[in-house]
C-alpha atoms as a PDB file:
ATOM      1  CA  UNK A   1      -8.512 -11.907   1.579  1.00  0.00           C
ATOM      2  CA  UNK A   2      -9.773 -14.615  -1.046  1.00  0.00           C
ATOM      3  CA  UNK A   3     -11.974 -14.364  -4.269  1.00  0.00           C
ATOM      4  CA  UNK A   4     -15.175 -15.099  -2.950  1.00  0.00           C
ATOM      5  CA  UNK A   5     -17.078 -18.088  -5.092  1.00  0.00           C
ATOM      6  CA  UNK A   6     -20.058 -18.396  -3.192  1.00  0.00           C
ATOM      7  CA  UNK A   7     -23.893 -17.113  -5.514  1.00  0.00           C
ATOM      8  CA  UNK A   8     -25.382 -16.506  -2.523  1.00  0.00           C
ATOM      9  CA  UNK A   9     -23.351 -13.699  -1.440  1.00  0.00           C
ATOM     10  CA  UNK A  10     -22.409 -12.820  -4.611  1.00  0.00           C
ATOM     11  CA  UNK A  11     -26.156 -12.190  -5.580  1.00  0.00           C
ATOM     12  CA  UNK A  12     -26.586  -9.287  -2.510  1.00  0.00           C
ATOM     13  CA  UNK A  13     -26.822  -5.784  -3.465  1.00  0.00           C
ATOM     14  CA  UNK A  14     -24.474  -3.244  -1.915  1.00  0.00           C
ATOM     15  CA  UNK A  15     -24.679  -0.137  -0.737  1.00  0.00           C
ATOM     16  CA  UNK A  16     -22.866   2.919  -0.690  1.00  0.00           C
ATOM     17  CA  UNK A  17     -20.105   3.803   1.394  1.00  0.00           C
ATOM     18  CA  UNK A  18     -18.956   6.763   2.761  1.00  0.00           C
ATOM     19  CA  UNK A  19     -15.585   8.022   0.536  1.00  0.00           C
ATOM     20  CA  UNK A  20     -12.954   7.531   3.730  1.00  0.00           C
ATOM     21  CA  UNK A  21     -14.611   4.247   4.474  1.00  0.00           C
ATOM     22  CA  UNK A  22     -14.324   3.169   0.298  1.00  0.00           C
ATOM     23  CA  UNK A  23     -10.430   4.012   0.551  1.00  0.00           C
ATOM     24  CA  UNK A  24      -9.541   1.703   3.216  1.00  0.00           C
ATOM     25  CA  UNK A  25     -11.758  -1.099   1.401  1.00  0.00           C
ATOM     26  CA  UNK A  26      -9.737  -0.061  -1.658  1.00  0.00           C
ATOM     27  CA  UNK A  27      -6.156  -1.181   0.216  1.00  0.00           C
ATOM     28  CA  UNK A  28      -7.933  -4.702   0.503  1.00  0.00           C
ATOM     29  CA  UNK A  29      -9.071  -4.721  -3.015  1.00  0.00           C
ATOM     30  CA  UNK A  30      -5.768  -3.901  -4.226  1.00  0.00           C
ATOM     31  CA  UNK A  31      -4.117  -6.614  -1.759  1.00  0.00           C
ATOM     32  CA  UNK A  32      -6.640  -9.245  -2.909  1.00  0.00           C
ATOM     33  CA  UNK A  33      -6.509  -8.228  -6.501  1.00  0.00           C
ATOM     34  CA  UNK A  34      -2.421  -8.578  -6.543  1.00  0.00           C
ATOM     35  CA  UNK A  35      -3.058 -12.232  -6.580  1.00  0.00           C
ATOM     36  CA  UNK A  36      -5.007 -13.058  -9.109  1.00  0.00           C
ATOM     37  CA  UNK A  37      -2.440 -12.428 -11.972  1.00  0.00           C
ATOM     38  CA  UNK A  38      -5.530 -12.530 -14.263  1.00  0.00           C
ATOM     39  CA  UNK A  39      -7.766 -10.098 -13.040  1.00  0.00           C
ATOM     40  CA  UNK A  40      -8.254  -6.691 -14.127  1.00  0.00           C
ATOM     41  CA  UNK A  41     -10.832  -5.680 -11.490  1.00  0.00           C
ATOM     42  CA  UNK A  42     -11.954  -6.749  -7.934  1.00  0.00           C
ATOM     43  CA  UNK A  43     -15.424  -5.373  -6.528  1.00  0.00           C
ATOM     44  CA  UNK A  44     -15.721  -5.099  -2.648  1.00  0.00           C
ATOM     45  CA  UNK A  45     -18.382  -7.827  -2.901  1.00  0.00           C
ATOM     46  CA  UNK A  46     -16.144 -10.318  -4.085  1.00  0.00           C
ATOM     47  CA  UNK A  47     -14.072  -9.927  -0.889  1.00  0.00           C
ATOM     48  CA  UNK A  48     -16.986 -10.204   1.241  1.00  0.00           C
ATOM     49  CA  UNK A  49     -18.150  -6.482   1.912  1.00  0.00           C
ATOM     50  CA  UNK A  50     -21.393  -5.406   0.490  1.00  0.00           C
ATOM     51  CA  UNK A  51     -20.726  -1.701  -0.256  1.00  0.00           C
ATOM     52  CA  UNK A  52     -20.451   0.247  -3.770  1.00  0.00           C
ATOM     53  CA  UNK A  53     -16.741  -0.102  -3.956  1.00  0.00           C
ATOM     54  CA  UNK A  54     -14.529  -1.397  -7.011  1.00  0.00           C
ATOM     55  CA  UNK A  55     -10.986  -1.043  -8.592  1.00  0.00           C
ATOM     56  CA  UNK A  56      -9.978  -1.523 -11.991  1.00  0.00           C
ATOM     57  CA  UNK A  57      -6.314  -1.730 -13.344  1.00  0.00           C
ATOM     58  CA  UNK A  58      -4.882  -2.137 -16.688  1.00  0.00           C
ATOM     59  CA  UNK A  59      -1.507  -1.856 -17.189  1.00  0.00           C
ATOM     60  CA  UNK A  60      -0.762   1.847 -15.795  1.00  0.00           C
ATOM     61  CA  UNK A  61      -4.209   2.817 -15.473  1.00  0.00           C
ATOM     62  CA  UNK A  62      -6.075   2.758 -11.795  1.00  0.00           C
ATOM     63  CA  UNK A  63      -9.230   3.368 -11.729  1.00  0.00           C
ATOM     64  CA  UNK A  64     -11.041   3.709  -8.352  1.00  0.00           C
ATOM     65  CA  UNK A  65     -14.310   3.639  -7.976  1.00  0.00           C
ATOM     66  CA  UNK A  66     -16.962   4.650  -5.006  1.00  0.00           C
ATOM     67  CA  UNK A  67     -20.525   4.898  -5.235  1.00  0.00           C
ATOM     68  CA  UNK A  68     -20.091   4.898  -9.104  1.00  0.00           C
ATOM     69  CA  UNK A  69     -23.297   5.237 -11.496  1.00  0.00           C
ATOM     70  CA  UNK A  70     -23.747   4.612 -14.890  1.00  0.00           C
ATOM     71  CA  UNK A  71     -25.126   7.785 -16.772  1.00  0.00           C
ATOM     72  CA  UNK A  72     -25.463   6.313 -20.528  1.00  0.00           C
ATOM     73  CA  UNK A  73     -24.331   2.966 -22.702  1.00  0.00           C
ATOM     74  CA  UNK A  74     -23.598   3.008 -25.751  1.00  0.00           C
ATOM     75  CA  UNK A  75     -22.429   0.808 -28.867  1.00  0.00           C
ATOM     76  CA  UNK A  76     -24.028  -2.605 -27.667  1.00  0.00           C
ATOM     77  CA  UNK A  77     -21.915  -5.489 -28.923  1.00  0.00           C
ATOM     78  CA  UNK A  78     -20.540  -8.798 -27.879  1.00  0.00           C
ATOM     79  CA  UNK A  79     -18.219  -9.029 -25.770  1.00  0.00           C
ATOM     80  CA  UNK A  80     -15.432 -12.429 -26.474  1.00  0.00           C
ATOM     81  CA  UNK A  81     -14.434 -14.359 -23.680  1.00  0.00           C
ATOM     82  CA  UNK A  82     -15.519 -12.093 -20.779  1.00  0.00           C
ATOM     83  CA  UNK A  83     -14.650 -13.783 -17.348  1.00  0.00           C
ATOM     84  CA  UNK A  84     -15.016 -13.102 -13.345  1.00  0.00           C
ATOM     85  CA  UNK A  85     -12.453 -13.999 -10.578  1.00  0.00           C
ATOM     86  CA  UNK A  86     -15.810 -14.902  -8.846  1.00  0.00           C
ATOM     87  CA  UNK A  87     -16.241 -17.677 -11.374  1.00  0.00           C
ATOM     88  CA  UNK A  88     -12.917 -19.415 -11.850  1.00  0.00           C
ATOM     89  CA  UNK A  89     -12.526 -20.964 -14.757  1.00  0.00           C
ATOM     90  CA  UNK A  90     -15.435 -19.736 -16.426  1.00  0.00           C
ATOM     91  CA  UNK A  91     -15.034 -17.621 -19.870  1.00  0.00           C
ATOM     92  CA  UNK A  92     -18.738 -16.900 -21.925  1.00  0.00           C
ATOM     93  CA  UNK A  93     -19.648 -14.175 -24.315  1.00  0.00           C
ATOM     94  CA  UNK A  94     -21.600 -11.458 -23.053  1.00  0.00           C
ATOM     95  CA  UNK A  95     -23.495  -8.376 -24.147  1.00  0.00           C
ATOM     96  CA  UNK A  96     -21.322  -4.872 -23.084  1.00  0.00           C
ATOM     97  CA  UNK A  97     -21.610  -1.647 -24.145  1.00  0.00           C
ATOM     98  CA  UNK A  98     -18.206  -0.146 -26.003  1.00  0.00           C
ATOM     99  CA  UNK A  99     -18.920   3.304 -24.306  1.00  0.00           C
ATOM    100  CA  UNK A 100     -19.695   4.363 -20.865  1.00  0.00           C
ATOM    101  CA  UNK A 101     -20.375   7.636 -19.244  1.00  0.00           C
ATOM    102  CA  UNK A 102     -20.556   7.515 -15.465  1.00  0.00           C
ATOM    103  CA  UNK A 103     -20.830   9.920 -12.372  1.00  0.00           C
ATOM    104  CA  UNK A 104     -17.741   9.334 -10.257  1.00  0.00           C
ATOM    105  CA  UNK A 105     -17.370  11.064  -7.127  1.00  0.00           C
ATOM    106  CA  UNK A 106     -19.355  13.556  -8.902  1.00  0.00           C
ATOM    107  CA  UNK A 107     -17.063  13.514 -11.772  1.00  0.00           C
ATOM    108  CA  UNK A 108     -18.328  12.476 -15.059  1.00  0.00           C
ATOM    109  CA  UNK A 109     -15.990  10.762 -17.028  1.00  0.00           C
ATOM    110  CA  UNK A 110     -16.692   8.348 -20.215  1.00  0.00           C
ATOM    111  CA  UNK A 111     -14.748   5.270 -20.859  1.00  0.00           C
ATOM    112  CA  UNK A 112     -14.486   3.169 -23.793  1.00  0.00           C
ATOM    113  CA  UNK A 113     -13.572  -0.329 -25.023  1.00  0.00           C
ATOM    114  CA  UNK A 114     -12.791  -2.770 -22.032  1.00  0.00           C
ATOM    115  CA  UNK A 115     -12.180  -0.023 -19.674  1.00  0.00           C
ATOM    116  CA  UNK A 116     -15.824   0.243 -20.223  1.00  0.00           C
ATOM    117  CA  UNK A 117     -16.564  -3.307 -20.366  1.00  0.00           C
ATOM    118  CA  UNK A 118     -14.828  -3.801 -17.078  1.00  0.00           C
ATOM    119  CA  UNK A 119     -16.509  -0.671 -15.290  1.00  0.00           C
ATOM    120  CA  UNK A 120     -20.309  -1.981 -16.221  1.00  0.00           C
ATOM    121  CA  UNK A 121     -18.589  -5.650 -15.415  1.00  0.00           C
ATOM    122  CA  UNK A 122     -17.153  -4.019 -11.764  1.00  0.00           C
ATOM    123  CA  UNK A 123     -20.994  -2.223 -10.874  1.00  0.00           C
ATOM    124  CA  UNK A 124     -23.295  -5.567 -12.047  1.00  0.00           C
ATOM    125  CA  UNK A 125     -21.330  -6.863  -9.114  1.00  0.00           C
ATOM    126  CA  UNK A 126     -22.882  -4.252  -7.253  1.00  0.00           C
ATOM    127  CA  UNK A 127     -26.115  -5.212  -7.863  1.00  0.00           C
ATOM    128  CA  UNK A 128     -25.852  -9.046  -7.547  1.00  0.00           C
ATOM    129  CA  UNK A 129     -25.269  -9.560 -11.256  1.00  0.00           C
ATOM    130  CA  UNK A 130     -22.706 -12.199 -13.151  1.00  0.00           C
ATOM    131  CA  UNK A 131     -21.629 -12.557 -15.911  1.00  0.00           C
ATOM    132  CA  UNK A 132     -23.607 -15.425 -16.450  1.00  0.00           C
ATOM    133  CA  UNK A 133     -26.803 -12.638 -15.965  1.00  0.00           C
ATOM    134  CA  UNK A 134     -24.992 -10.736 -19.224  1.00  0.00           C
ATOM    135  CA  UNK A 135     -24.568 -14.494 -21.843  1.00  0.00           C
ATOM    136  CA  UNK A 136     -24.819 -13.793 -25.254  1.00  0.00           C
ATOM    137  CA  UNK A 137     -27.274 -15.595 -27.585  1.00  0.00           C
ATOM    138  CA  UNK A 138     -27.673 -15.722 -30.721  1.00  0.00           C
ATOM    139  CA  UNK A 139     -30.683 -14.894 -32.398  1.00  0.00           C
ATOM    140  CA  UNK A 140     -32.511 -17.252 -34.020  1.00  0.00           C
END
């Protein structure tokens, strides 16, 4: 599958999904992400499926996200050069959080650093939000 770059599709909100259906979508996401050497995560909407499913693959770490919710965010910071597979060639500074606490399939988990940013990024896709909505702006 190809990664969608159409903003009309990407701006839509995703719906919850059953765990069984989510696991099937994860397989499609994994196949697509394998063909994107610079990508570390992908959400279902990026392959045209408006469901709350995403994956993150950073080195050996494999995190599957199905109907995941962010419960808490801490330590806001300026993320330098965040990118998105749906916005090829664009790298911008964004506002993110260094720590996120999530509910992932009924299990509470806390993540830090790049992984926290990746979770925020993928869950933003479920709300129709993109990195261009999170641009860091210097205060005057």
